[in-house]
Amino acid sequence: MQHSLPSLNALRAFETVSRHLNYRRAADELHVTPAAVKQLVTKLEVSLSIQLFEKKGRCIQLTKVGRSLSNDLSTGFTQIIHSIERVRKQSSRKCLIISVDPSFASSWLIPKLAEFRTLNPELDLLVDASMRVVDLENDNTDIAIRFGVPSNSRFYTQRLFDERLAALCSPIILKGSNKLSKIENLQHVKILRWDLSEFEWARNTQRWNHWKYWLEQVGASHVTPGPGLRVNDYNMALQAAIAGQGMIIGSLPILADMIEQNILCNPFNKVAETDLGYDLVTTQSSLSNIDVRKFVAWISEKVR
């Protein structure tokens, strides 16, 4: 007698949780809420009449059956991904998939992509503006552009920009009662803070988004930043800064066009030189793809 398969969404949710052993991180990867992921896993356990996870203190771990199912599903999903990859490569229309940090995409890459598309009209581009960490060796992503990429000899990595950070604001704020003639004036201006602590990969870079740390780096540790708005999305913070709602710690290389167009200003001329930067990453095998090489050559020229 043939048995019906459980929901594919439930199987995918279980396999993702089994890799992270954390509902929140699995939800980030699947772009849903932790509650939705947990509900899908529970439905799968009910449909199979078996427990797949068990609690260990405040954490979860796989049961013996859960571990076996996780291994099988990981193999199965990998085979599906590779099959889809082969089908895509057989398509008559070529597509280059680029995973990009959303702030880099909206502030720097997207405004410049028209030129690349004009030079390569036969090529479709898919820009995946997402904070999730992609698996370049197993996903169908060709290139990733990320902030603060750790060294890894398995990949081809090219530094695009060394990060340089400044306190930026809208000209609207400069016209206010606080003229911002010196950095001590920061105490009287609303500031914008953003937080990426929910992403484990961002913990090494998060310190540069803290005003206290930035002030220390520019020799102004005596200044106490004022109150303001806190968000968990950099683009949201950037839009608030453009609208005159406060000052933001911003990337000079990424926001150079906005500064040149007087959309944002750097009133203190204080710059923190960081040990991080924006890096292009791809696999060594992807470099054999002429379209990948075209994009790498083009973006190398744009950042020069």
Protein backbone atom coordinates (compact mmCIF):
# COMPACT_ATOMS: atom_id res chain seq x y z
CA MET A 1 0.00 0.00 0.00
CA GLN A 2 1.41 3.40 -1.02
CA HIS A 3 1.73 5.98 1.77
CA SER A 4 1.28 9.69 1.10
CA LEU A 5 4.30 11.90 1.69
CA PRO A 6 4.28 14.52 4.45
CA SER A 7 4.19 18.17 3.44
CA LEU A 8 7.34 19.22 1.58
CA ASN A 9 7.34 22.46 3.61
CA ALA A 10 7.32 20.44 6.82
CA LEU A 11 10.21 18.27 5.61
CA ARG A 12 12.19 21.36 4.61
CA ALA A 13 11.49 23.01 7.96
CA PHE A 14 12.64 19.92 9.86
CA GLU A 15 15.82 19.57 7.79
CA THR A 16 16.69 23.24 8.36
CA VAL A 17 16.09 23.07 12.12
CA SER A 18 18.13 19.85 12.29
CA ARG A 19 21.14 21.69 10.84
CA HIS A 20 20.90 24.71 13.14
CA LEU A 21 19.33 23.04 16.19
CA ASN A 22 17.68 26.42 16.68
CA TYR A 23 14.21 27.51 15.54
CA ARG A 24 15.11 31.19 15.16
CA ARG A 25 18.13 30.60 12.93
CA ALA A 26 16.10 28.13 10.86
CA ALA A 27 13.36 30.75 10.51
CA ASP A 28 15.92 33.32 9.30
CA GLU A 29 17.07 30.91 6.58
CA LEU A 30 13.50 30.09 5.51
CA HIS A 31 12.28 33.70 5.80
CA VAL A 32 9.38 32.82 8.09
CA THR A 33 8.71 33.17 11.82
CA PRO A 34 10.10 30.75 14.42
CA ALA A 35 6.51 29.89 15.41
CA ALA A 36 5.71 28.86 11.82
CA VAL A 37 8.80 26.63 11.68
CA LYS A 38 7.94 25.00 14.99
CA GLN A 39 4.37 24.38 13.84
CA LEU A 40 5.57 22.67 10.65
CA VAL A 41 7.95 20.42 12.63
CA THR A 42 5.16 19.53 15.07
CA LYS A 43 2.85 18.62 12.17
CA LEU A 44 5.57 16.39 10.73
CA GLU A 45 6.04 14.61 14.06
CA VAL A 46 2.27 14.08 14.32
CA SER A 47 2.02 12.74 10.76
CA LEU A 48 4.89 10.32 11.40
CA SER A 49 3.74 9.48 14.96
CA ILE A 50 7.30 9.88 16.23
CA GLN A 51 9.38 12.41 18.14
CA LEU A 52 12.16 14.00 16.07
CA PHE A 53 13.58 16.47 18.63
CA GLU A 54 13.99 16.40 22.37
CA LYS A 55 14.88 19.15 24.81
CA LYS A 56 18.27 19.27 26.48
CA GLY A 57 18.18 22.10 28.98
CA ARG A 58 17.28 25.24 27.02
CA CYS A 59 18.46 23.68 23.75
CA ILE A 60 17.06 21.01 21.45
CA GLN A 61 18.75 17.95 20.00
CA LEU A 62 17.80 15.29 17.48
CA THR A 63 16.46 11.95 18.59
CA LYS A 64 18.05 8.86 17.05
CA VAL A 65 15.25 8.62 14.47
CA GLY A 66 15.42 12.38 13.87
CA ARG A 67 19.15 12.19 13.18
CA SER A 68 18.64 9.41 10.63
CA LEU A 69 15.83 11.30 8.89
CA SER A 70 17.90 14.51 8.87
CA ASN A 71 20.81 12.79 7.11
CA ASP A 72 18.53 11.27 4.48
CA LEU A 73 16.69 14.52 3.84
CA SER A 74 19.92 16.54 3.56
CA THR A 75 21.13 14.10 0.91
CA GLY A 76 17.78 14.26 -0.87
CA PHE A 77 17.56 18.06 -0.89
CA THR A 78 21.16 18.31 -2.12
CA GLN A 79 20.30 16.02 -5.04
CA ILE A 80 17.22 18.13 -5.82
CA ILE A 81 19.31 21.32 -5.79
CA HIS A 82 21.89 19.80 -8.12
CA SER A 83 19.14 18.58 -10.48
CA ILE A 84 17.55 22.04 -10.61
CA GLU A 85 21.01 23.53 -11.19
CA ARG A 86 21.53 21.27 -14.21
CA VAL A 87 18.14 22.24 -15.64
CA ARG A 88 18.88 25.94 -15.18
CA LYS A 89 22.23 25.57 -16.93
CA GLN A 90 20.44 24.00 -19.90
CA SER A 91 18.23 27.07 -20.26
CA SER A 92 18.82 29.05 -23.43
CA ARG A 93 18.77 32.29 -21.44
CA LYS A 94 21.78 32.60 -19.11
CA CYS A 95 21.24 33.95 -15.61
CA LEU A 96 23.86 35.18 -13.15
CA ILE A 97 22.78 34.97 -9.50
CA ILE A 98 24.40 37.40 -7.09
CA SER A 99 23.76 37.36 -3.34
CA VAL A 100 24.35 40.80 -1.88
CA ASP A 101 24.11 42.55 1.47
CA PRO A 102 20.90 44.68 1.15
CA SER A 103 22.62 47.95 2.10
CA PHE A 104 25.34 47.39 -0.52
CA ALA A 105 22.72 46.45 -3.11
CA SER A 106 20.47 49.49 -2.67
CA SER A 107 23.13 52.14 -2.02
CA TRP A 108 25.88 51.09 -4.43
CA LEU A 109 25.27 48.11 -6.73
CA ILE A 110 21.75 48.62 -8.12
CA PRO A 111 22.34 52.23 -9.29
CA LYS A 112 25.36 51.04 -11.29
CA LEU A 113 24.00 47.78 -12.74
CA ALA A 114 22.45 49.44 -15.80
CA GLU A 115 25.95 49.77 -17.24
CA PHE A 116 26.73 46.06 -16.79
CA ARG A 117 23.41 45.09 -18.36
CA THR A 118 24.09 47.35 -21.34
CA LEU A 119 27.49 45.70 -21.81
CA ASN A 120 26.01 42.20 -21.45
CA PRO A 121 22.46 42.31 -22.92
CA GLU A 122 22.36 38.52 -23.39
CA LEU A 123 22.70 37.91 -19.66
CA ASP A 124 19.94 37.95 -17.05
CA LEU A 125 20.84 39.06 -13.53
CA LEU A 126 19.14 37.92 -10.34
CA VAL A 127 20.17 40.05 -7.37
CA ASP A 128 19.34 38.29 -4.10
CA ALA A 129 19.47 41.16 -1.57
CA SER A 130 19.46 39.17 1.64
CA MET A 131 21.29 38.96 4.97
CA ARG A 132 21.29 35.16 4.89
CA VAL A 133 24.61 33.38 4.45
CA VAL A 134 24.60 31.41 1.19
CA ASP A 135 26.33 28.10 0.55
CA LEU A 136 28.23 28.86 -2.65
CA GLU A 137 29.31 25.25 -3.09
CA ASN A 138 25.79 23.79 -2.93
CA ASP A 139 23.35 26.63 -3.69
CA ASN A 140 22.84 27.94 -7.22
CA THR A 141 24.33 31.33 -6.28
CA ASP A 142 27.25 32.34 -8.49
CA ILE A 143 28.70 35.27 -6.54
CA ALA A 144 28.26 36.71 -3.05
CA ILE A 145 29.19 40.19 -1.85
CA ARG A 146 29.46 40.37 1.92
CA PHE A 147 30.86 42.53 4.71
CA GLY A 148 33.76 41.20 6.75
CA VAL A 149 34.26 37.83 5.02
CA PRO A 150 36.59 35.52 6.98
CA SER A 151 39.56 34.09 5.07
CA ASN A 152 38.87 30.73 3.43
CA SER A 153 41.29 29.09 1.00
CA ARG A 154 38.45 27.12 -0.66
CA PHE A 155 37.03 30.30 -2.20
CA TYR A 156 38.15 33.09 -4.47
CA THR A 157 37.86 36.32 -2.45
CA GLN A 158 38.45 39.85 -3.72
CA ARG A 159 38.35 42.96 -1.51
CA LEU A 160 36.17 45.63 -3.11
CA PHE A 161 36.34 48.33 -0.44
CA ASP A 162 38.10 48.80 2.86
CA GLU A 163 35.40 50.05 5.20
CA ARG A 164 35.69 53.66 6.39
CA LEU A 165 32.97 54.93 8.69
CA ALA A 166 31.79 58.48 9.41
CA ALA A 167 28.92 60.18 11.24
CA LEU A 168 26.53 61.24 8.48
CA CYS A 169 23.31 63.25 8.44
CA SER A 170 20.90 65.04 6.15
CA PRO A 171 21.50 68.71 5.26
CA ILE A 172 18.15 69.24 7.01
CA ILE A 173 19.89 68.71 10.37
CA LEU A 174 22.68 71.14 9.47
CA LYS A 175 20.04 73.83 8.99
CA GLY A 176 18.69 73.26 12.51
CA SER A 177 19.63 75.06 15.70
CA ASN A 178 22.59 72.74 16.24
CA LYS A 179 25.11 73.67 13.58
CA LEU A 180 27.32 70.63 14.28
CA SER A 181 30.48 72.72 14.11
CA LYS A 182 32.30 70.27 16.40
CA ILE A 183 31.83 66.65 17.39
CA GLU A 184 30.71 67.59 20.92
CA ASN A 185 27.47 68.83 19.30
CA LEU A 186 26.59 65.16 18.76
CA GLN A 187 25.31 65.09 22.35
CA HIS A 188 22.43 67.38 21.30
CA VAL A 189 21.42 65.59 18.10
CA LYS A 190 19.22 62.51 17.77
CA ILE A 191 21.17 59.51 16.58
CA LEU A 192 20.21 56.35 14.73
CA ARG A 193 21.29 52.92 15.92
CA TRP A 194 20.89 49.58 14.17
CA ASP A 195 21.42 46.12 15.52
CA LEU A 196 22.36 42.85 13.75
CA SER A 197 22.98 40.78 16.89
CA GLU A 198 20.31 38.26 15.85
CA PHE A 199 22.67 37.12 13.07
CA GLU A 200 25.51 35.00 14.44
CA TRP A 201 27.82 35.79 11.52
CA ALA A 202 27.53 39.53 12.26
CA ARG A 203 28.90 39.41 15.79
CA ASN A 204 32.46 40.05 14.64
CA THR A 205 31.43 43.18 12.73
CA GLN A 206 28.69 44.49 15.03
CA ARG A 207 31.06 46.53 17.19
CA TRP A 208 31.60 49.00 14.35
CA ASN A 209 27.90 49.91 14.41
CA HIS A 210 28.07 51.06 18.03
CA TRP A 211 28.43 54.82 18.50
CA LYS A 212 30.58 54.43 21.61
CA TYR A 213 33.10 52.29 19.71
CA TRP A 214 33.13 54.65 16.72
CA LEU A 215 33.72 57.66 18.97
CA GLU A 216 36.64 55.88 20.61
CA GLN A 217 38.20 55.18 17.21
CA VAL A 218 38.01 58.85 16.12
CA GLY A 219 39.47 60.11 19.41
CA ALA A 220 36.23 61.43 20.87
CA SER A 221 35.56 58.97 23.69
CA HIS A 222 34.61 61.90 25.93
CA VAL A 223 31.46 62.51 23.85
CA THR A 224 28.23 60.83 24.95
CA PRO A 225 25.82 60.32 22.03
CA GLY A 226 22.26 61.50 22.56
CA PRO A 227 18.97 59.57 22.37
CA GLY A 228 17.43 58.48 19.11
CA LEU A 229 15.86 55.67 17.13
CA ARG A 230 16.93 52.00 17.15
CA VAL A 231 16.10 49.64 14.25
CA ASN A 232 17.24 46.17 13.12
CA ASP A 233 17.59 47.06 9.44
CA TYR A 234 20.36 49.27 8.08
CA ASN A 235 18.37 50.48 5.07
CA MET A 236 15.62 51.63 7.41
CA ALA A 237 18.18 53.55 9.48
CA LEU A 238 19.64 55.06 6.30
CA GLN A 239 16.25 56.25 5.09
CA ALA A 240 15.60 57.79 8.50
CA ALA A 241 18.92 59.65 8.24
CA ILE A 242 18.08 60.93 4.75
CA ALA A 243 14.72 62.15 6.09
CA GLY A 244 16.49 64.19 8.75
CA GLN A 245 15.51 62.03 11.73
CA GLY A 246 19.05 61.71 13.10
CA MET A 247 22.70 60.91 12.46
CA ILE A 248 23.92 57.52 11.31
CA ILE A 249 27.28 55.76 11.25
CA GLY A 250 27.66 55.32 7.51
CA SER A 251 30.09 53.76 5.05
CA LEU A 252 32.00 56.40 3.08
CA PRO A 253 32.81 54.15 0.09
CA ILE A 254 29.25 52.82 -0.19
CA LEU A 255 27.49 56.16 0.35
CA ALA A 256 29.96 58.26 -1.66
CA ASP A 257 27.39 59.09 -4.36
CA MET A 258 24.87 60.33 -1.78
CA ILE A 259 27.51 62.51 -0.14
CA GLU A 260 28.59 63.92 -3.51
CA GLN A 261 24.95 64.71 -4.34
CA ASN A 262 24.51 66.42 -0.92
CA ILE A 263 21.84 63.92 0.13
CA LEU A 264 24.03 63.15 3.15
CA CYS A 265 26.74 65.24 4.81
CA ASN A 266 29.85 64.44 6.84
CA PRO A 267 29.88 67.48 9.18
CA PHE A 268 32.66 66.39 11.55
CA ASN A 269 35.11 65.02 8.95
CA LYS A 270 35.96 62.29 11.44
CA VAL A 271 36.65 58.89 9.87
CA ALA A 272 37.15 55.51 11.56
CA GLU A 273 39.44 53.22 9.55
CA THR A 274 38.26 49.63 10.18
CA ASP A 275 39.87 46.22 9.83
CA LEU A 276 36.93 45.09 7.68
CA GLY A 277 35.59 45.64 4.20
CA TYR A 278 33.23 44.50 1.46
CA ASP A 279 34.40 41.36 -0.32
CA LEU A 280 33.35 39.55 -3.48
CA VAL A 281 33.35 35.79 -2.96
CA THR A 282 32.87 32.93 -5.41
CA THR A 283 34.07 29.37 -5.84
CA GLN A 284 37.13 28.47 -7.86
CA SER A 285 34.94 26.39 -10.18
CA SER A 286 32.58 29.33 -10.80
CA LEU A 287 35.52 31.33 -12.13
CA SER A 288 35.57 28.98 -15.11
CA ASN A 289 32.19 30.50 -16.07
CA ILE A 290 32.82 33.36 -18.49
CA ASP A 291 29.78 35.27 -17.19
CA VAL A 292 31.14 35.19 -13.65
CA ARG A 293 34.48 36.47 -14.94
CA LYS A 294 32.70 39.27 -16.83
CA PHE A 295 30.98 40.44 -13.64
CA VAL A 296 34.18 40.20 -11.57
CA ALA A 297 36.07 42.25 -14.19
CA TRP A 298 33.29 44.84 -14.40
CA ILE A 299 32.91 45.39 -10.66
CA SER A 300 36.69 45.48 -10.22
CA GLU A 301 36.79 48.36 -12.70
CA LYS A 302 33.91 50.18 -10.95
CA VAL A 303 35.56 50.11 -7.52
CA ARG A 304 39.01 51.07 -8.82
